[in-house]
Structure formats: C-alpha cells, structure tokens
Amino acid sequence: MAKDEIKNDTSKLTFEQAIKELTGIVGKIEQGEIALGDSLQQYEKGMSLIKHCRKILQDAEKRIEKIAEEGKGQQ
C-alpha cells in the first residue's frame, strides 16, 4: 500500500475508528503475529493513524477555544 493510499484510507476514519485500528496494529506487532515486511507496512499505517488522530484532537481543541472565547463575549 502506497503512502498516499494509507493517508487517504486513514483520513476518512473517525477518531474512535482510528484508535481502534491503531490498537489492533500495535497488538499484532507486539505479539509477532505478522512478518517483518508486513510489520513495517503496518508500522507506517500506524504512524499515519497517529498523525490523523493528532489532527482531529488539534481541531477539537481549536473549536473548544473558539467556543470559550465566544462565551466570554456573551457575559
């Protein structure tokens, strides 16, 4: 799977879906259930999932800050 395919695949996931998939990947790698080549591919996908989750969290934080600022103006 190419990097662009991984990015497109992960960018459509919700935060919860991404965390669930990431947890599965980590479990498989830790337990040695997959070959080295597949481990590297799964590691790459895991990193993409982490970036995706961080972006979702950053966007949520910005939204909360905006809501908080709007709330201060209404007092």
C-alpha atoms as a PDB file:
ATOM      1  CA  MET A   1       0.000   0.000   0.000  1.00  0.00           C
ATOM      2  CA  ALA A   2       1.493   3.363  -1.050  1.00  0.00           C
ATOM      3  CA  LYS A   3       1.789   6.288   1.371  1.00  0.00           C
ATOM      4  CA  ASP A   4      -0.948   8.241  -0.420  1.00  0.00           C
ATOM      5  CA  GLU A   5      -3.282   5.243  -0.205  1.00  0.00           C
ATOM      6  CA  ILE A   6      -2.618   4.928   3.518  1.00  0.00           C
ATOM      7  CA  LYS A   7      -3.212   8.645   4.063  1.00  0.00           C
ATOM      8  CA  ASN A   8      -6.467   8.601   2.091  1.00  0.00           C
ATOM      9  CA  ASP A   9      -7.576   5.458   3.890  1.00  0.00           C
ATOM     10  CA  THR A  10      -6.954   6.906   7.358  1.00  0.00           C
ATOM     11  CA  SER A  11      -8.221  10.423   6.649  1.00  0.00           C
ATOM     12  CA  LYS A  12     -11.797   9.156   6.391  1.00  0.00           C
ATOM     13  CA  LEU A  13     -11.797   7.482   9.806  1.00  0.00           C
ATOM     14  CA  THR A  14     -13.318   8.928  12.943  1.00  0.00           C
ATOM     15  CA  PHE A  15     -11.063   9.346  15.956  1.00  0.00           C
ATOM     16  CA  GLU A  16     -12.552   6.267  17.577  1.00  0.00           C
ATOM     17  CA  GLN A  17     -12.136   4.151  14.452  1.00  0.00           C
ATOM     18  CA  ALA A  18      -8.524   5.257  14.058  1.00  0.00           C
ATOM     19  CA  ILE A  19      -7.693   4.455  17.697  1.00  0.00           C
ATOM     20  CA  LYS A  20      -9.311   1.019  17.379  1.00  0.00           C
ATOM     21  CA  GLU A  21      -7.328   0.267  14.220  1.00  0.00           C
ATOM     22  CA  LEU A  22      -4.119   1.563  15.791  1.00  0.00           C
ATOM     23  CA  THR A  23      -4.652  -0.632  18.850  1.00  0.00           C
ATOM     24  CA  GLY A  24      -5.086  -3.658  16.590  1.00  0.00           C
ATOM     25  CA  ILE A  25      -1.892  -2.882  14.692  1.00  0.00           C
ATOM     26  CA  VAL A  26       0.116  -2.456  17.894  1.00  0.00           C
ATOM     27  CA  GLY A  27      -1.224  -5.747  19.240  1.00  0.00           C
ATOM     28  CA  LYS A  28      -0.292  -7.660  16.111  1.00  0.00           C
ATOM     29  CA  ILE A  29       3.215  -6.205  16.005  1.00  0.00           C
ATOM     30  CA  GLU A  30       3.843  -6.780  19.716  1.00  0.00           C
ATOM     31  CA  GLN A  31       2.688 -10.382  19.538  1.00  0.00           C
ATOM     32  CA  GLY A  32       4.789 -11.074  16.457  1.00  0.00           C
ATOM     33  CA  GLU A  33       1.735 -12.228  14.502  1.00  0.00           C
ATOM     34  CA  ILE A  34       2.962 -10.748  11.229  1.00  0.00           C
ATOM     35  CA  ALA A  35       6.111 -10.989   9.130  1.00  0.00           C
ATOM     36  CA  LEU A  36       8.768  -8.279   9.227  1.00  0.00           C
ATOM     37  CA  GLY A  37       7.763  -6.776   5.867  1.00  0.00           C
ATOM     38  CA  ASP A  38       4.151  -6.623   6.921  1.00  0.00           C
ATOM     39  CA  SER A  39       5.206  -5.193  10.291  1.00  0.00           C
ATOM     40  CA  LEU A  40       6.927  -2.316   8.546  1.00  0.00           C
ATOM     41  CA  GLN A  41       3.865  -1.658   6.426  1.00  0.00           C
ATOM     42  CA  GLN A  42       1.623  -1.787   9.495  1.00  0.00           C
ATOM     43  CA  TYR A  43       4.025   0.491  11.377  1.00  0.00           C
ATOM     44  CA  GLU A  44       3.772   3.016   8.548  1.00  0.00           C
ATOM     45  CA  LYS A  45      -0.015   2.814   8.666  1.00  0.00           C
ATOM     46  CA  GLY A  46       0.107   3.211  12.438  1.00  0.00           C
ATOM     47  CA  MET A  47       2.132   6.390  12.105  1.00  0.00           C
ATOM     48  CA  SER A  48      -0.420   7.714   9.638  1.00  0.00           C
ATOM     49  CA  LEU A  49      -3.193   6.909  12.109  1.00  0.00           C
ATOM     50  CA  ILE A  50      -1.336   8.736  14.881  1.00  0.00           C
ATOM     51  CA  LYS A  51      -0.963  11.838  12.695  1.00  0.00           C
ATOM     52  CA  HIS A  52      -4.648  11.656  11.822  1.00  0.00           C
ATOM     53  CA  CYS A  53      -5.661  11.380  15.493  1.00  0.00           C
ATOM     54  CA  ARG A  54      -3.424  14.308  16.454  1.00  0.00           C
ATOM     55  CA  LYS A  55      -5.037  16.440  13.752  1.00  0.00           C
ATOM     56  CA  ILE A  56      -8.521  15.569  14.979  1.00  0.00           C
ATOM     57  CA  LEU A  57      -7.525  16.454  18.553  1.00  0.00           C
ATOM     58  CA  GLN A  58      -5.915  19.741  17.464  1.00  0.00           C
ATOM     59  CA  ASP A  59      -9.036  20.683  15.509  1.00  0.00           C
ATOM     60  CA  ALA A  60     -11.216  19.858  18.510  1.00  0.00           C
ATOM     61  CA  GLU A  61      -9.009  21.970  20.771  1.00  0.00           C
ATOM     62  CA  LYS A  62      -9.248  24.937  18.388  1.00  0.00           C
ATOM     63  CA  ARG A  63     -13.021  24.554  18.275  1.00  0.00           C
ATOM     64  CA  ILE A  64     -13.247  24.463  22.083  1.00  0.00           C
ATOM     65  CA  GLU A  65     -11.073  27.576  22.340  1.00  0.00           C
ATOM     66  CA  LYS A  66     -13.298  29.367  19.833  1.00  0.00           C
ATOM     67  CA  ILE A  67     -16.448  28.376  21.724  1.00  0.00           C
ATOM     68  CA  ALA A  68     -14.877  29.519  25.008  1.00  0.00           C
ATOM     69  CA  GLU A  69     -13.943  32.887  23.501  1.00  0.00           C
ATOM     70  CA  GLU A  70     -17.440  33.349  22.104  1.00  0.00           C
ATOM     71  CA  GLY A  71     -18.848  32.507  25.534  1.00  0.00           C
ATOM     72  CA  LYS A  72     -16.716  35.209  27.184  1.00  0.00           C
ATOM     73  CA  GLY A  73     -18.185  37.790  24.836  1.00  0.00           C
ATOM     74  CA  GLN A  74     -21.733  36.895  25.872  1.00  0.00           C
ATOM     75  CA  GLN A  75     -21.178  37.503  29.581  1.00  0.00           C
END
